[in-house]
PDB file of N, CA and C in Angstrom:
ATOM      1  N   UNK A   1       0.863  -1.160   0.048  1.00  0.00           N
ATOM      2  CA  UNK A   1       0.036   0.004   0.057  1.00  0.00           C
ATOM      3  C   UNK A   1       0.933   1.286   0.010  1.00  0.00           C
ATOM      4  N   UNK A   2       0.592   2.133  -0.802  1.00  0.00           N
ATOM      5  CA  UNK A   2       1.357   3.390  -0.949  1.00  0.00           C
ATOM      6  C   UNK A   2       0.969   4.353   0.145  1.00  0.00           C
ATOM      7  N   UNK A   3       1.853   5.291   0.397  1.00  0.00           N
ATOM      8  CA  UNK A   3       1.562   6.290   1.463  1.00  0.00           C
ATOM      9  C   UNK A   3       0.337   7.083   1.135  1.00  0.00           C
ATOM     10  N   UNK A   4       0.135   7.399  -0.102  1.00  0.00           N
ATOM     11  CA  UNK A   4      -1.029   8.176  -0.483  1.00  0.00           C
ATOM     12  C   UNK A   4      -2.358   7.363  -0.144  1.00  0.00           C
ATOM     13  N   UNK A   5      -2.283   6.089  -0.335  1.00  0.00           N
ATOM     14  CA  UNK A   5      -3.535   5.290  -0.027  1.00  0.00           C
ATOM     15  C   UNK A   5      -3.764   5.283   1.442  1.00  0.00           C
ATOM     16  N   UNK A   6      -2.718   5.267   2.307  1.00  0.00           N
ATOM     17  CA  UNK A   6      -2.870   5.256   3.705  1.00  0.00           C
ATOM     18  C   UNK A   6      -3.501   6.614   4.110  1.00  0.00           C
ATOM     19  N   UNK A   7      -2.973   7.719   3.556  1.00  0.00           N
ATOM     20  CA  UNK A   7      -3.493   9.064   3.889  1.00  0.00           C
ATOM     21  C   UNK A   7      -4.901   9.177   3.406  1.00  0.00           C
ATOM     22  N   UNK A   8      -5.293   8.755   2.221  1.00  0.00           N
ATOM     23  CA  UNK A   8      -6.639   8.823   1.739  1.00  0.00           C
ATOM     24  C   UNK A   8      -7.539   8.065   2.643  1.00  0.00           C
ATOM     25  N   UNK A   9      -7.127   6.903   3.153  1.00  0.00           N
ATOM     26  CA  UNK A   9      -7.992   6.198   4.025  1.00  0.00           C
ATOM     27  C   UNK A   9      -8.192   6.853   5.377  1.00  0.00           C
ATOM     28  N   UNK A  10      -7.151   7.475   5.903  1.00  0.00           N
ATOM     29  CA  UNK A  10      -7.244   8.246   7.190  1.00  0.00           C
ATOM     30  C   UNK A  10      -8.189   9.435   7.037  1.00  0.00           C
ATOM     31  N   UNK A  11      -8.092  10.140   5.825  1.00  0.00           N
ATOM     32  CA  UNK A  11      -9.018  11.243   5.556  1.00  0.00           C
ATOM     33  C   UNK A  11     -10.450  10.745   5.472  1.00  0.00           C
ATOM     34  N   UNK A  12     -10.656   9.716   4.685  1.00  0.00           N
ATOM     35  CA  UNK A  12     -11.993   9.207   4.492  1.00  0.00           C
ATOM     36  C   UNK A  12     -12.675   8.736   5.758  1.00  0.00           C
ATOM     37  N   UNK A  13     -11.885   8.052   6.663  1.00  0.00           N
ATOM     38  CA  UNK A  13     -12.442   7.522   7.965  1.00  0.00           C
ATOM     39  C   UNK A  13     -12.268   8.482   9.099  1.00  0.00           C
ATOM     40  N   UNK A  14     -11.685   9.617   8.768  1.00  0.00           N
ATOM     41  CA  UNK A  14     -11.456  10.701   9.824  1.00  0.00           C
ATOM     42  C   UNK A  14     -10.665  10.087  11.013  1.00  0.00           C
ATOM     43  N   UNK A  15      -9.664   9.270  10.742  1.00  0.00           N
ATOM     44  CA  UNK A  15      -8.724   8.675  11.700  1.00  0.00           C
ATOM     45  C   UNK A  15      -7.596   9.651  11.980  1.00  0.00           C
ATOM     46  N   UNK A  16      -7.119   9.411  13.180  1.00  0.00           N
ATOM     47  CA  UNK A  16      -5.796  10.039  13.536  1.00  0.00           C
ATOM     48  C   UNK A  16      -4.703   9.075  13.286  1.00  0.00           C
ATOM     49  N   UNK A  17      -3.580   9.542  12.928  1.00  0.00           N
ATOM     50  CA  UNK A  17      -2.490   8.569  12.583  1.00  0.00           C
ATOM     51  C   UNK A  17      -1.148   9.123  13.290  1.00  0.00           C
ATOM     52  N   UNK A  18      -0.291   8.186  13.519  1.00  0.00           N
ATOM     53  CA  UNK A  18       0.988   8.540  14.085  1.00  0.00           C
ATOM     54  C   UNK A  18       2.022   8.585  12.907  1.00  0.00           C
ATOM     55  N   UNK A  19       2.721   9.631  12.704  1.00  0.00           N
ATOM     56  CA  UNK A  19       3.660   9.722  11.604  1.00  0.00           C
ATOM     57  C   UNK A  19       5.069  10.004  12.168  1.00  0.00           C
ATOM     58  N   UNK A  20       6.061   9.538  11.382  1.00  0.00           N
ATOM     59  CA  UNK A  20       7.422   9.880  11.581  1.00  0.00           C
ATOM     60  C   UNK A  20       7.784  10.782  10.399  1.00  0.00           C
ATOM     61  N   UNK A  21       8.287  11.960  10.617  1.00  0.00           N
ATOM     62  CA  UNK A  21       8.448  12.983   9.641  1.00  0.00           C
ATOM     63  C   UNK A  21       9.840  13.541   9.631  1.00  0.00           C
ATOM     64  N   UNK A  22      10.380  13.836   8.440  1.00  0.00           N
ATOM     65  CA  UNK A  22      11.749  14.353   8.255  1.00  0.00           C
ATOM     66  C   UNK A  22      11.554  15.808   7.724  1.00  0.00           C
ATOM     67  N   UNK A  23      12.080  16.704   8.500  1.00  0.00           N
ATOM     68  CA  UNK A  23      12.096  18.196   8.039  1.00  0.00           C
ATOM     69  C   UNK A  23      13.098  18.418   6.981  1.00  0.00           C
ATOM     70  N   UNK A  24      12.997  19.544   6.329  1.00  0.00           N
ATOM     71  CA  UNK A  24      13.981  19.900   5.325  1.00  0.00           C
ATOM     72  C   UNK A  24      15.401  19.922   5.787  1.00  0.00           C
ATOM     73  N   UNK A  25      15.591  20.234   7.150  1.00  0.00           N
ATOM     74  CA  UNK A  25      16.924  20.233   7.640  1.00  0.00           C
ATOM     75  C   UNK A  25      17.359  18.849   8.097  1.00  0.00           C
ATOM     76  N   UNK A  26      16.568  17.843   7.969  1.00  0.00           N
ATOM     77  CA  UNK A  26      16.939  16.533   8.340  1.00  0.00           C
ATOM     78  C   UNK A  26      16.536  16.029   9.706  1.00  0.00           C
ATOM     79  N   UNK A  27      15.827  16.926  10.450  1.00  0.00           N
ATOM     80  CA  UNK A  27      15.412  16.576  11.813  1.00  0.00           C
ATOM     81  C   UNK A  27      14.210  15.529  11.645  1.00  0.00           C
ATOM     82  N   UNK A  28      14.287  14.503  12.400  1.00  0.00           N
ATOM     83  CA  UNK A  28      13.144  13.443  12.417  1.00  0.00           C
ATOM     84  C   UNK A  28      12.466  13.576  13.635  1.00  0.00           C
ATOM     85  N   UNK A  29      11.088  13.599  13.574  1.00  0.00           N
ATOM     86  CA  UNK A  29      10.229  13.557  14.774  1.00  0.00           C
ATOM     87  C   UNK A  29       9.069  12.685  14.534  1.00  0.00           C
ATOM     88  N   UNK A  30       8.467  12.356  15.655  1.00  0.00           N
ATOM     89  CA  UNK A  30       7.239  11.512  15.519  1.00  0.00           C
ATOM     90  C   UNK A  30       6.049  12.263  16.291  1.00  0.00           C
ATOM     91  N   UNK A  31       4.896  12.262  15.686  1.00  0.00           N
ATOM     92  CA  UNK A  31       3.775  12.918  16.318  1.00  0.00           C
ATOM     93  C   UNK A  31       2.471  12.306  15.778  1.00  0.00           C
ATOM     94  N   UNK A  32       1.415  12.475  16.513  1.00  0.00           N
ATOM     95  CA  UNK A  32       0.036  12.082  16.074  1.00  0.00           C
ATOM     96  C   UNK A  32      -0.638  13.226  15.527  1.00  0.00           C
ATOM     97  N   UNK A  33      -1.183  12.981  14.335  1.00  0.00           N
ATOM     98  CA  UNK A  33      -1.985  14.060  13.638  1.00  0.00           C
ATOM     99  C   UNK A  33      -3.449  13.578  13.397  1.00  0.00           C
ATOM    100  N   UNK A  34      -4.349  14.500  13.339  1.00  0.00           N
ATOM    101  CA  UNK A  34      -5.795  14.243  13.182  1.00  0.00           C
ATOM    102  C   UNK A  34      -6.336  15.351  12.269  1.00  0.00           C
ATOM    103  N   UNK A  35      -7.596  15.304  12.017  1.00  0.00           N
ATOM    104  CA  UNK A  35      -8.285  16.224  11.110  1.00  0.00           C
ATOM    105  C   UNK A  35      -7.532  16.471   9.803  1.00  0.00           C
ATOM    106  N   UNK A  36      -7.126  15.403   9.200  1.00  0.00           N
ATOM    107  CA  UNK A  36      -6.281  15.514   8.031  1.00  0.00           C
ATOM    108  C   UNK A  36      -7.030  15.803   6.780  1.00  0.00           C
ATOM    109  N   UNK A  37      -6.466  16.626   5.951  1.00  0.00           N
ATOM    110  CA  UNK A  37      -7.080  16.998   4.701  1.00  0.00           C
ATOM    111  C   UNK A  37      -5.921  17.406   3.750  1.00  0.00           C
ATOM    112  N   UNK A  38      -6.222  17.306   2.431  1.00  0.00           N
ATOM    113  CA  UNK A  38      -5.203  17.751   1.487  1.00  0.00           C
ATOM    114  C   UNK A  38      -5.130  19.291   1.543  1.00  0.00           C
ATOM    115  N   UNK A  39      -3.960  19.798   1.331  1.00  0.00           N
ATOM    116  CA  UNK A  39      -3.783  21.267   1.313  1.00  0.00           C
ATOM    117  C   UNK A  39      -4.366  21.884   0.077  1.00  0.00           C
ATOM    118  N   UNK A  40      -5.279  22.902   0.225  1.00  0.00           N
ATOM    119  CA  UNK A  40      -5.696  23.672  -0.842  1.00  0.00           C
ATOM    120  C   UNK A  40      -4.722  24.736  -1.250  1.00  0.00           C
ATOM    121  N   UNK A  41      -3.866  25.031  -0.357  1.00  0.00           N
ATOM    122  CA  UNK A  41      -2.826  26.115  -0.633  1.00  0.00           C
ATOM    123  C   UNK A  41      -1.601  25.563  -1.372  1.00  0.00           C
ATOM    124  N   UNK A  42      -1.134  24.521  -0.865  1.00  0.00           N
ATOM    125  CA  UNK A  42       0.109  23.911  -1.448  1.00  0.00           C
ATOM    126  C   UNK A  42      -0.180  22.815  -2.513  1.00  0.00           C
ATOM    127  N   UNK A  43      -1.349  22.188  -2.548  1.00  0.00           N
ATOM    128  CA  UNK A  43      -1.646  21.263  -3.604  1.00  0.00           C
ATOM    129  C   UNK A  43      -1.583  19.772  -3.000  1.00  0.00           C
ATOM    130  N   UNK A  44      -1.798  18.874  -3.924  1.00  0.00           N
ATOM    131  CA  UNK A  44      -1.960  17.476  -3.545  1.00  0.00           C
ATOM    132  C   UNK A  44      -0.762  16.775  -2.928  1.00  0.00           C
ATOM    133  N   UNK A  45       0.428  17.355  -3.009  1.00  0.00           N
ATOM    134  CA  UNK A  45       1.595  16.771  -2.385  1.00  0.00           C
ATOM    135  C   UNK A  45       1.719  17.123  -0.895  1.00  0.00           C
ATOM    136  N   UNK A  46       0.755  17.839  -0.318  1.00  0.00           N
ATOM    137  CA  UNK A  46       0.856  18.254   1.060  1.00  0.00           C
ATOM    138  C   UNK A  46      -0.535  17.949   1.704  1.00  0.00           C
ATOM    139  N   UNK A  47      -0.435  17.755   3.079  1.00  0.00           N
ATOM    140  CA  UNK A  47      -1.598  17.604   3.875  1.00  0.00           C
ATOM    141  C   UNK A  47      -1.638  18.679   4.884  1.00  0.00           C
ATOM    142  N   UNK A  48      -2.773  19.076   5.358  1.00  0.00           N
ATOM    143  CA  UNK A  48      -2.897  19.976   6.499  1.00  0.00           C
ATOM    144  C   UNK A  48      -3.514  19.080   7.555  1.00  0.00           C
ATOM    145  N   UNK A  49      -2.946  19.151   8.782  1.00  0.00           N
ATOM    146  CA  UNK A  49      -3.470  18.310   9.866  1.00  0.00           C
ATOM    147  C   UNK A  49      -3.269  18.981  11.190  1.00  0.00           C
ATOM    148  N   UNK A  50      -3.982  18.551  12.189  1.00  0.00           N
ATOM    149  CA  UNK A  50      -3.847  19.032  13.570  1.00  0.00           C
ATOM    150  C   UNK A  50      -2.825  18.163  14.197  1.00  0.00           C
ATOM    151  N   UNK A  51      -1.755  18.755  14.668  1.00  0.00           N
ATOM    152  CA  UNK A  51      -0.598  18.119  15.381  1.00  0.00           C
ATOM    153  C   UNK A  51      -1.003  18.093  16.882  1.00  0.00           C
ATOM    154  N   UNK A  52      -1.291  16.902  17.376  1.00  0.00           N
ATOM    155  CA  UNK A  52      -1.850  16.828  18.807  1.00  0.00           C
ATOM    156  C   UNK A  52      -0.879  17.194  19.834  1.00  0.00           C
ATOM    157  N   UNK A  53       0.375  16.933  19.685  1.00  0.00           N
ATOM    158  CA  UNK A  53       1.390  17.153  20.741  1.00  0.00           C
ATOM    159  C   UNK A  53       1.562  18.648  20.979  1.00  0.00           C
ATOM    160  N   UNK A  54       1.496  19.464  19.983  1.00  0.00           N
ATOM    161  CA  UNK A  54       1.672  20.884  20.168  1.00  0.00           C
ATOM    162  C   UNK A  54       0.369  21.700  19.916  1.00  0.00           C
ATOM    163  N   UNK A  55      -0.721  20.937  19.737  1.00  0.00           N
ATOM    164  CA  UNK A  55      -2.094  21.470  19.608  1.00  0.00           C
ATOM    165  C   UNK A  55      -2.248  22.610  18.647  1.00  0.00           C
ATOM    166  N   UNK A  56      -1.765  22.388  17.433  1.00  0.00           N
ATOM    167  CA  UNK A  56      -1.981  23.361  16.439  1.00  0.00           C
ATOM    168  C   UNK A  56      -1.932  22.656  15.034  1.00  0.00           C
ATOM    169  N   UNK A  57      -2.534  23.375  14.030  1.00  0.00           N
ATOM    170  CA  UNK A  57      -2.498  22.843  12.623  1.00  0.00           C
ATOM    171  C   UNK A  57      -1.156  23.043  12.027  1.00  0.00           C
ATOM    172  N   UNK A  58      -0.703  22.106  11.312  1.00  0.00           N
ATOM    173  CA  UNK A  58       0.517  22.117  10.582  1.00  0.00           C
ATOM    174  C   UNK A  58       0.359  21.638   9.153  1.00  0.00           C
ATOM    175  N   UNK A  59       1.230  22.006   8.275  1.00  0.00           N
ATOM    176  CA  UNK A  59       1.233  21.476   6.826  1.00  0.00           C
ATOM    177  C   UNK A  59       2.473  20.528   6.829  1.00  0.00           C
ATOM    178  N   UNK A  60       2.196  19.332   6.186  1.00  0.00           N
ATOM    179  CA  UNK A  60       3.203  18.354   6.024  1.00  0.00           C
ATOM    180  C   UNK A  60       3.269  17.908   4.549  1.00  0.00           C
ATOM    181  N   UNK A  61       4.595  17.867   4.115  1.00  0.00           N
ATOM    182  CA  UNK A  61       4.816  17.401   2.682  1.00  0.00           C
ATOM    183  C   UNK A  61       4.799  15.855   2.760  1.00  0.00           C
ATOM    184  N   UNK A  62       3.896  15.284   1.892  1.00  0.00           N
ATOM    185  CA  UNK A  62       3.759  13.820   2.002  1.00  0.00           C
ATOM    186  C   UNK A  62       5.026  13.107   1.636  1.00  0.00           C
ATOM    187  N   UNK A  63       5.806  13.628   0.858  1.00  0.00           N
ATOM    188  CA  UNK A  63       7.082  12.942   0.446  1.00  0.00           C
ATOM    189  C   UNK A  63       8.161  12.898   1.615  1.00  0.00           C
ATOM    190  N   UNK A  64       7.867  13.679   2.700  1.00  0.00           N
ATOM    191  CA  UNK A  64       8.765  13.668   3.870  1.00  0.00           C
ATOM    192  C   UNK A  64       8.255  12.763   5.010  1.00  0.00           C
ATOM    193  N   UNK A  65       7.100  12.138   4.809  1.00  0.00           N
ATOM    194  CA  UNK A  65       6.566  11.249   5.839  1.00  0.00           C
ATOM    195  C   UNK A  65       7.267   9.888   5.686  1.00  0.00           C
ATOM    196  N   UNK A  66       7.998   9.534   6.715  1.00  0.00           N
ATOM    197  CA  UNK A  66       8.802   8.270   6.608  1.00  0.00           C
ATOM    198  C   UNK A  66       7.985   7.097   7.132  1.00  0.00           C
ATOM    199  N   UNK A  67       7.131   7.233   8.090  1.00  0.00           N
ATOM    200  CA  UNK A  67       6.385   6.173   8.668  1.00  0.00           C
ATOM    201  C   UNK A  67       4.979   6.610   8.934  1.00  0.00           C
ATOM    202  N   UNK A  68       3.957   5.717   8.820  1.00  0.00           N
ATOM    203  CA  UNK A  68       2.652   5.984   9.297  1.00  0.00           C
ATOM    204  C   UNK A  68       2.249   4.796  10.128  1.00  0.00           C
ATOM    205  N   UNK A  69       1.936   5.084  11.412  1.00  0.00           N
ATOM    206  CA  UNK A  69       1.504   3.975  12.381  1.00  0.00           C
ATOM    207  C   UNK A  69       2.521   2.813  12.373  1.00  0.00           C
ATOM    208  N   UNK A  70       3.789   3.254  12.318  1.00  0.00           N
ATOM    209  CA  UNK A  70       4.895   2.237  12.400  1.00  0.00           C
ATOM    210  C   UNK A  70       5.267   1.581  11.082  1.00  0.00           C
ATOM    211  N   UNK A  71       4.479   1.844   9.953  1.00  0.00           N
ATOM    212  CA  UNK A  71       4.806   1.258   8.717  1.00  0.00           C
ATOM    213  C   UNK A  71       5.803   2.188   7.960  1.00  0.00           C
ATOM    214  N   UNK A  72       6.941   1.788   7.492  1.00  0.00           N
ATOM    215  CA  UNK A  72       7.936   2.541   6.920  1.00  0.00           C
ATOM    216  C   UNK A  72       7.656   2.780   5.499  1.00  0.00           C
ATOM    217  N   UNK A  73       7.951   4.058   5.062  1.00  0.00           N
ATOM    218  CA  UNK A  73       7.949   4.461   3.645  1.00  0.00           C
ATOM    219  C   UNK A  73       9.370   5.038   3.407  1.00  0.00           C
ATOM    220  N   UNK A  74      10.228   4.322   2.840  1.00  0.00           N
ATOM    221  CA  UNK A  74      11.649   4.716   2.725  1.00  0.00           C
ATOM    222  C   UNK A  74      11.862   5.864   1.685  1.00  0.00           C
ATOM    223  N   UNK A  75      12.578   6.911   2.232  1.00  0.00           N
ATOM    224  CA  UNK A  75      12.957   7.988   1.362  1.00  0.00           C
ATOM    225  C   UNK A  75      14.426   8.371   1.745  1.00  0.00           C
ATOM    226  N   UNK A  76      15.163   8.861   0.778  1.00  0.00           N
ATOM    227  CA  UNK A  76      16.526   9.259   1.016  1.00  0.00           C
ATOM    228  C   UNK A  76      16.593  10.769   0.675  1.00  0.00           C
ATOM    229  N   UNK A  77      17.009  11.591   1.676  1.00  0.00           N
ATOM    230  CA  UNK A  77      17.207  13.023   1.515  1.00  0.00           C
ATOM    231  C   UNK A  77      18.632  13.365   1.425  1.00  0.00           C
ATOM    232  N   UNK A  78      19.007  14.376   0.672  1.00  0.00           N
ATOM    233  CA  UNK A  78      20.375  14.764   0.441  1.00  0.00           C
ATOM    234  C   UNK A  78      21.114  15.009   1.788  1.00  0.00           C
ATOM    235  N   UNK A  79      20.435  15.731   2.692  1.00  0.00           N
ATOM    236  CA  UNK A  79      21.110  16.035   3.948  1.00  0.00           C
ATOM    237  C   UNK A  79      21.387  14.816   4.845  1.00  0.00           C
ATOM    238  N   UNK A  80      20.601  13.717   4.574  1.00  0.00           N
ATOM    239  CA  UNK A  80      20.885  12.455   5.246  1.00  0.00           C
ATOM    240  C   UNK A  80      22.094  11.690   4.657  1.00  0.00           C
ATOM    241  N   UNK A  81      22.472  11.964   3.428  1.00  0.00           N
ATOM    242  CA  UNK A  81      23.530  11.273   2.668  1.00  0.00           C
ATOM    243  C   UNK A  81      24.827  11.914   2.962  1.00  0.00           C
ATOM    244  N   UNK A  82      24.873  13.240   2.957  1.00  0.00           N
ATOM    245  CA  UNK A  82      26.078  13.994   3.248  1.00  0.00           C
ATOM    246  C   UNK A  82      26.561  14.670   1.993  1.00  0.00           C
ATOM    247  N   UNK A  83      27.550  15.539   2.159  1.00  0.00           N
ATOM    248  CA  UNK A  83      28.067  16.261   0.954  1.00  0.00           C
ATOM    249  C   UNK A  83      28.923  15.502   0.005  1.00  0.00           C
ATOM    250  N   UNK A  84      29.370  14.299   0.409  1.00  0.00           N
ATOM    251  CA  UNK A  84      30.239  13.520  -0.398  1.00  0.00           C
ATOM    252  C   UNK A  84      29.573  12.945  -1.796  1.00  0.00           C
ATOM    253  N   UNK A  85      28.286  12.969  -1.657  1.00  0.00           N
ATOM    254  CA  UNK A  85      27.562  12.455  -2.847  1.00  0.00           C
ATOM    255  C   UNK A  85      26.879  13.649  -3.563  1.00  0.00           C
ATOM    256  N   UNK A  86      27.215  13.865  -4.789  1.00  0.00           N
ATOM    257  CA  UNK A  86      26.674  14.940  -5.614  1.00  0.00           C
ATOM    258  C   UNK A  86      25.525  14.432  -6.482  1.00  0.00           C
ATOM    259  N   UNK A  87      25.514  13.137  -6.743  1.00  0.00           N
ATOM    260  CA  UNK A  87      24.507  12.586  -7.607  1.00  0.00           C
ATOM    261  C   UNK A  87      24.281  11.167  -7.266  1.00  0.00           C
ATOM    262  N   UNK A  88      23.089  10.669  -7.375  1.00  0.00           N
ATOM    263  CA  UNK A  88      22.794   9.243  -7.204  1.00  0.00           C
ATOM    264  C   UNK A  88      22.475   8.711  -8.658  1.00  0.00           C
ATOM    265  N   UNK A  89      23.143   7.635  -9.046  1.00  0.00           N
ATOM    266  CA  UNK A  89      22.931   7.073 -10.304  1.00  0.00           C
ATOM    267  C   UNK A  89      22.074   5.777 -10.289  1.00  0.00           C
TER     268      UNK A  89
END
């Protein structure tokens, strides 16, 4: 199951989900989100959700979500690889 399908299901069922997320700077954190919807401002590659631990709405880039409810979606970000790699072949 693709991450988009998991998110679609959570939106449809109005479920809260636990995500592991990687920021642009490479910081990884885990949080529970609810009231999930696709972002009308940023488009389909982003979701808007209520982050329960800090009690506020946040926008998340779907491509930066690493895990949903413990299920891993592997992504590699440049800042996690380091400066020695200029290109992946």
